[in-house]
Amino acid sequence: MSMAERRAELLQDMVEQTKTFLSDFGVAEPVAEQAAAGLADYLAEHWGGQVISIPKDQAYKLAARDREVVEAARTMSIAGLAARFGICERAIRRLLKRASARATLDSQLDLF
């Protein structure tokens, strides 16, 4: 596939995803389509020619799982959490310690 085809595919995919996203939030389809096309035009005009690397965002996926583990920790044992999430008990303990430290830091930052 040529680079021109890949660029066109990227912009078209972005338009389709944006339309779907906006429609899911109740935006009328013609308006969603117009907004999506406008966004694609903006990106092509302002960022065209740039080499951009888009990370797969593993950190976000891990953060989502971490939140799920912390929530489940309210009612489950360490061993139960390890079995449910398929990681060792030591990893569960480290995850809960990191989450606790982050919560403490967040609450302290609220003081400022």
N, C-alpha and C. Protein backbone atom coordinates (compact mmCIF):
# COMPACT_ATOMS: atom_id res chain seq x y z
N MET A 1 0.85 -1.18 0.00
CA MET A 1 0.00 0.00 0.00
C MET A 1 0.90 1.24 0.00
N SER A 2 0.60 2.18 -0.86
CA SER A 2 1.42 3.40 -0.95
C SER A 2 1.14 4.32 0.24
N MET A 3 2.05 5.26 0.45
CA MET A 3 1.86 6.22 1.55
C MET A 3 0.61 7.07 1.32
N ALA A 4 0.33 7.44 0.08
CA ALA A 4 -0.86 8.23 -0.22
C ALA A 4 -2.12 7.45 0.16
N GLU A 5 -2.12 6.16 -0.13
CA GLU A 5 -3.27 5.32 0.23
C GLU A 5 -3.39 5.20 1.74
N ARG A 6 -2.26 5.07 2.41
CA ARG A 6 -2.29 4.97 3.88
C ARG A 6 -2.80 6.26 4.52
N ARG A 7 -2.37 7.42 3.97
CA ARG A 7 -2.86 8.69 4.49
C ARG A 7 -4.37 8.80 4.30
N ALA A 8 -4.83 8.44 3.10
CA ALA A 8 -6.26 8.51 2.82
C ALA A 8 -7.04 7.56 3.74
N GLU A 9 -6.48 6.38 3.98
CA GLU A 9 -7.13 5.41 4.86
C GLU A 9 -7.20 5.93 6.29
N LEU A 10 -6.11 6.55 6.75
CA LEU A 10 -6.08 7.11 8.10
C LEU A 10 -7.15 8.18 8.26
N LEU A 11 -7.20 9.13 7.32
CA LEU A 11 -8.17 10.21 7.43
C LEU A 11 -9.59 9.69 7.31
N GLN A 12 -9.84 8.74 6.42
CA GLN A 12 -11.18 8.18 6.28
C GLN A 12 -11.60 7.44 7.55
N ASP A 13 -10.68 6.68 8.12
CA ASP A 13 -10.98 5.97 9.36
C ASP A 13 -11.29 6.96 10.48
N MET A 14 -10.51 8.05 10.53
CA MET A 14 -10.77 9.06 11.56
C MET A 14 -12.15 9.68 11.37
N VAL A 15 -12.53 9.95 10.13
CA VAL A 15 -13.86 10.51 9.85
C VAL A 15 -14.94 9.54 10.33
N GLU A 16 -14.81 8.28 9.99
CA GLU A 16 -15.82 7.28 10.38
C GLU A 16 -15.91 7.15 11.90
N GLN A 17 -14.78 7.09 12.57
CA GLN A 17 -14.78 6.95 14.03
C GLN A 17 -15.37 8.19 14.70
N THR A 18 -15.04 9.36 14.18
CA THR A 18 -15.56 10.60 14.75
C THR A 18 -17.07 10.68 14.57
N LYS A 19 -17.56 10.32 13.37
CA LYS A 19 -19.01 10.30 13.12
C LYS A 19 -19.71 9.37 14.10
N THR A 20 -19.16 8.18 14.26
CA THR A 20 -19.76 7.20 15.17
C THR A 20 -19.76 7.73 16.60
N PHE A 21 -18.63 8.29 17.02
CA PHE A 21 -18.51 8.83 18.37
C PHE A 21 -19.54 9.93 18.61
N LEU A 22 -19.63 10.88 17.68
CA LEU A 22 -20.58 11.97 17.85
C LEU A 22 -22.02 11.48 17.81
N SER A 23 -22.31 10.55 16.94
CA SER A 23 -23.66 9.98 16.85
C SER A 23 -24.04 9.28 18.15
N ASP A 24 -23.07 8.60 18.76
CA ASP A 24 -23.33 7.92 20.04
C ASP A 24 -23.73 8.91 21.13
N PHE A 25 -23.31 10.17 20.98
CA PHE A 25 -23.65 11.20 21.95
C PHE A 25 -24.85 12.03 21.50
N GLY A 26 -25.59 11.51 20.52
CA GLY A 26 -26.84 12.15 20.13
C GLY A 26 -26.72 13.26 19.11
N VAL A 27 -25.54 13.45 18.53
CA VAL A 27 -25.38 14.47 17.50
C VAL A 27 -26.01 13.92 16.22
N ALA A 28 -26.83 14.74 15.56
CA ALA A 28 -27.49 14.32 14.33
C ALA A 28 -26.46 13.90 13.30
N GLU A 29 -26.78 12.87 12.52
CA GLU A 29 -25.82 12.30 11.58
C GLU A 29 -25.24 13.33 10.59
N PRO A 30 -26.06 14.20 9.99
CA PRO A 30 -25.46 15.18 9.07
C PRO A 30 -24.46 16.11 9.76
N VAL A 31 -24.76 16.49 11.00
CA VAL A 31 -23.86 17.36 11.75
C VAL A 31 -22.60 16.59 12.14
N ALA A 32 -22.76 15.34 12.55
CA ALA A 32 -21.61 14.51 12.91
C ALA A 32 -20.70 14.31 11.71
N GLU A 33 -21.29 14.08 10.56
CA GLU A 33 -20.50 13.88 9.34
C GLU A 33 -19.74 15.15 8.97
N GLN A 34 -20.40 16.28 9.08
CA GLN A 34 -19.77 17.55 8.76
C GLN A 34 -18.62 17.86 9.73
N ALA A 35 -18.85 17.61 11.01
CA ALA A 35 -17.81 17.85 12.01
C ALA A 35 -16.62 16.92 11.79
N ALA A 36 -16.90 15.66 11.48
CA ALA A 36 -15.83 14.69 11.25
C ALA A 36 -14.99 15.08 10.04
N ALA A 37 -15.66 15.49 8.96
CA ALA A 37 -14.93 15.91 7.76
C ALA A 37 -14.11 17.16 8.04
N GLY A 38 -14.67 18.08 8.83
CA GLY A 38 -13.93 19.29 9.20
C GLY A 38 -12.69 18.97 10.01
N LEU A 39 -12.80 18.01 10.91
CA LEU A 39 -11.65 17.60 11.71
C LEU A 39 -10.57 16.99 10.82
N ALA A 40 -10.97 16.13 9.89
CA ALA A 40 -10.00 15.52 8.98
C ALA A 40 -9.32 16.59 8.13
N ASP A 41 -10.09 17.56 7.64
CA ASP A 41 -9.51 18.65 6.86
C ASP A 41 -8.50 19.44 7.69
N TYR A 42 -8.87 19.73 8.93
CA TYR A 42 -7.98 20.47 9.82
C TYR A 42 -6.66 19.72 10.01
N LEU A 43 -6.77 18.43 10.34
CA LEU A 43 -5.56 17.65 10.57
C LEU A 43 -4.67 17.60 9.33
N ALA A 44 -5.28 17.39 8.18
CA ALA A 44 -4.51 17.32 6.94
C ALA A 44 -3.84 18.65 6.64
N GLU A 45 -4.57 19.75 6.87
CA GLU A 45 -4.04 21.08 6.55
C GLU A 45 -2.95 21.51 7.53
N HIS A 46 -3.18 21.31 8.81
CA HIS A 46 -2.25 21.81 9.82
C HIS A 46 -1.13 20.84 10.18
N TRP A 47 -1.36 19.55 10.00
CA TRP A 47 -0.35 18.57 10.37
C TRP A 47 0.18 17.81 9.17
N GLY A 48 -0.36 18.08 7.98
CA GLY A 48 0.09 17.38 6.78
C GLY A 48 1.58 17.54 6.57
N GLY A 49 2.23 16.46 6.20
CA GLY A 49 3.67 16.49 5.96
C GLY A 49 4.50 16.15 7.17
N GLN A 50 3.88 16.11 8.34
CA GLN A 50 4.60 15.77 9.56
C GLN A 50 4.67 14.26 9.73
N VAL A 51 5.71 13.81 10.36
CA VAL A 51 5.81 12.40 10.70
C VAL A 51 5.39 12.28 12.16
N ILE A 52 4.30 11.59 12.38
CA ILE A 52 3.74 11.48 13.72
C ILE A 52 3.68 10.01 14.11
N SER A 53 4.20 9.71 15.27
CA SER A 53 4.13 8.36 15.80
C SER A 53 3.05 8.34 16.87
N ILE A 54 2.07 7.47 16.70
CA ILE A 54 0.96 7.39 17.66
C ILE A 54 1.17 6.15 18.51
N PRO A 55 1.40 6.33 19.81
CA PRO A 55 1.63 5.17 20.67
C PRO A 55 0.37 4.34 20.83
N LYS A 56 0.54 3.07 21.13
CA LYS A 56 -0.60 2.18 21.34
C LYS A 56 -1.25 2.41 22.69
N ASP A 57 -0.63 3.19 23.53
CA ASP A 57 -1.16 3.60 24.83
C ASP A 57 -1.38 2.43 25.78
N GLN A 58 -0.36 1.61 25.90
CA GLN A 58 -0.42 0.51 26.86
C GLN A 58 -0.62 1.03 28.28
N ALA A 59 -0.07 2.21 28.57
CA ALA A 59 -0.19 2.76 29.93
C ALA A 59 -1.65 2.99 30.28
N TYR A 60 -2.44 3.48 29.33
CA TYR A 60 -3.86 3.69 29.59
C TYR A 60 -4.56 2.36 29.86
N LYS A 61 -4.25 1.36 29.05
CA LYS A 61 -4.88 0.06 29.23
C LYS A 61 -4.52 -0.52 30.59
N LEU A 62 -3.24 -0.36 30.98
CA LEU A 62 -2.83 -0.85 32.29
C LEU A 62 -3.51 -0.05 33.39
N ALA A 63 -3.64 1.26 33.20
CA ALA A 63 -4.29 2.09 34.22
C ALA A 63 -5.74 1.66 34.40
N ALA A 64 -6.42 1.32 33.31
CA ALA A 64 -7.80 0.88 33.41
C ALA A 64 -7.88 -0.43 34.20
N ARG A 65 -6.95 -1.34 33.92
CA ARG A 65 -6.92 -2.59 34.67
C ARG A 65 -6.59 -2.33 36.13
N ASP A 66 -5.65 -1.42 36.38
CA ASP A 66 -5.29 -1.09 37.75
C ASP A 66 -6.50 -0.58 38.53
N ARG A 67 -7.30 0.27 37.89
CA ARG A 67 -8.51 0.78 38.56
C ARG A 67 -9.46 -0.36 38.89
N GLU A 68 -9.56 -1.31 37.96
CA GLU A 68 -10.43 -2.46 38.19
C GLU A 68 -9.92 -3.30 39.36
N VAL A 69 -8.61 -3.48 39.44
CA VAL A 69 -8.02 -4.24 40.55
C VAL A 69 -8.28 -3.53 41.87
N VAL A 70 -8.05 -2.22 41.91
CA VAL A 70 -8.26 -1.45 43.14
C VAL A 70 -9.72 -1.55 43.58
N GLU A 71 -10.64 -1.44 42.64
CA GLU A 71 -12.06 -1.55 42.97
C GLU A 71 -12.39 -2.94 43.52
N ALA A 72 -11.86 -3.98 42.87
CA ALA A 72 -12.12 -5.36 43.31
C ALA A 72 -11.47 -5.65 44.65
N ALA A 73 -10.38 -4.93 44.97
CA ALA A 73 -9.66 -5.17 46.23
C ALA A 73 -10.51 -4.85 47.45
N ARG A 74 -11.56 -4.10 47.25
CA ARG A 74 -12.45 -3.78 48.39
C ARG A 74 -13.16 -5.02 48.93
N THR A 75 -13.34 -6.01 48.06
CA THR A 75 -14.12 -7.18 48.48
C THR A 75 -13.38 -8.50 48.29
N MET A 76 -12.17 -8.46 47.72
CA MET A 76 -11.46 -9.70 47.44
C MET A 76 -10.10 -9.73 48.14
N SER A 77 -9.62 -10.94 48.37
CA SER A 77 -8.29 -11.12 48.95
C SER A 77 -7.23 -10.93 47.87
N ILE A 78 -5.99 -10.81 48.31
CA ILE A 78 -4.86 -10.70 47.38
C ILE A 78 -4.82 -11.94 46.48
N ALA A 79 -4.98 -13.11 47.07
CA ALA A 79 -4.95 -14.35 46.29
C ALA A 79 -6.09 -14.38 45.27
N GLY A 80 -7.26 -13.93 45.68
CA GLY A 80 -8.41 -13.89 44.77
C GLY A 80 -8.18 -12.93 43.62
N LEU A 81 -7.59 -11.77 43.93
CA LEU A 81 -7.28 -10.79 42.90
C LEU A 81 -6.26 -11.35 41.90
N ALA A 82 -5.24 -12.01 42.44
CA ALA A 82 -4.21 -12.58 41.57
C ALA A 82 -4.82 -13.60 40.62
N ALA A 83 -5.68 -14.44 41.14
CA ALA A 83 -6.32 -15.45 40.29
C ALA A 83 -7.24 -14.80 39.25
N ARG A 84 -8.00 -13.83 39.67
CA ARG A 84 -8.96 -13.18 38.76
C ARG A 84 -8.26 -12.44 37.62
N PHE A 85 -7.16 -11.74 37.95
CA PHE A 85 -6.51 -10.91 36.94
C PHE A 85 -5.31 -11.58 36.28
N GLY A 86 -5.00 -12.78 36.71
CA GLY A 86 -3.94 -13.54 36.06
C GLY A 86 -2.54 -12.99 36.28
N ILE A 87 -2.31 -12.38 37.45
CA ILE A 87 -0.97 -11.91 37.79
C ILE A 87 -0.64 -12.41 39.19
N CYS A 88 0.63 -12.39 39.53
CA CYS A 88 1.04 -12.94 40.81
C CYS A 88 0.64 -12.02 41.97
N GLU A 89 0.61 -12.61 43.17
CA GLU A 89 0.22 -11.86 44.37
C GLU A 89 1.16 -10.68 44.62
N ARG A 90 2.44 -10.88 44.35
CA ARG A 90 3.41 -9.80 44.54
C ARG A 90 3.06 -8.60 43.64
N ALA A 91 2.68 -8.88 42.40
CA ALA A 91 2.30 -7.81 41.47
C ALA A 91 1.04 -7.09 41.96
N ILE A 92 0.11 -7.84 42.54
CA ILE A 92 -1.11 -7.22 43.09
C ILE A 92 -0.73 -6.28 44.23
N ARG A 93 0.15 -6.74 45.12
CA ARG A 93 0.58 -5.90 46.25
C ARG A 93 1.26 -4.62 45.76
N ARG A 94 2.15 -4.76 44.77
CA ARG A 94 2.83 -3.58 44.22
C ARG A 94 1.84 -2.62 43.58
N LEU A 95 0.88 -3.17 42.83
CA LEU A 95 -0.12 -2.35 42.18
C LEU A 95 -0.94 -1.58 43.22
N LEU A 96 -1.37 -2.25 44.27
CA LEU A 96 -2.16 -1.60 45.31
C LEU A 96 -1.33 -0.55 46.06
N LYS A 97 -0.05 -0.82 46.25
CA LYS A 97 0.83 0.15 46.91
C LYS A 97 0.98 1.40 46.04
N ARG A 98 1.19 1.20 44.71
CA ARG A 98 1.30 2.34 43.79
C ARG A 98 0.00 3.15 43.77
N ALA A 99 -1.13 2.46 43.75
CA ALA A 99 -2.42 3.14 43.71
C ALA A 99 -2.63 3.94 44.99
N SER A 100 -2.23 3.39 46.11
CA SER A 100 -2.37 4.09 47.38
C SER A 100 -1.48 5.33 47.41
N ALA A 101 -0.25 5.19 46.94
CA ALA A 101 0.67 6.33 46.91
C ALA A 101 0.14 7.42 45.98
N ARG A 102 -0.42 7.02 44.84
CA ARG A 102 -0.97 7.98 43.89
C ARG A 102 -2.16 8.71 44.50
N ALA A 103 -3.02 7.98 45.21
CA ALA A 103 -4.18 8.59 45.86
C ALA A 103 -3.76 9.58 46.92
N THR A 104 -2.72 9.23 47.68
CA THR A 104 -2.21 10.13 48.72
C THR A 104 -1.66 11.40 48.08
N LEU A 105 -0.88 11.23 47.01
CA LEU A 105 -0.31 12.39 46.31
C LEU A 105 -1.42 13.27 45.75
N ASP A 106 -2.43 12.66 45.14
CA ASP A 106 -3.54 13.44 44.58
C ASP A 106 -4.26 14.23 45.65
N SER A 107 -4.47 13.62 46.81
CA SER A 107 -5.17 14.34 47.88
C SER A 107 -4.30 15.47 48.45
N GLN A 108 -2.99 15.28 48.47
CA GLN A 108 -2.10 16.33 48.95
C GLN A 108 -2.05 17.49 47.96
N LEU A 109 -2.10 17.18 46.65
CA LEU A 109 -2.08 18.23 45.65
C LEU A 109 -3.34 19.08 45.73
N ASP A 110 -4.44 18.49 46.16
CA ASP A 110 -5.69 19.24 46.32
C ASP A 110 -5.56 20.35 47.38
N LEU A 111 -4.60 20.20 48.29
CA LEU A 111 -4.42 21.18 49.34
C LEU A 111 -3.89 22.50 48.78
N PHE A 112 -3.23 22.43 47.63
CA PHE A 112 -2.65 23.62 47.03
C PHE A 112 -3.67 24.24 46.12
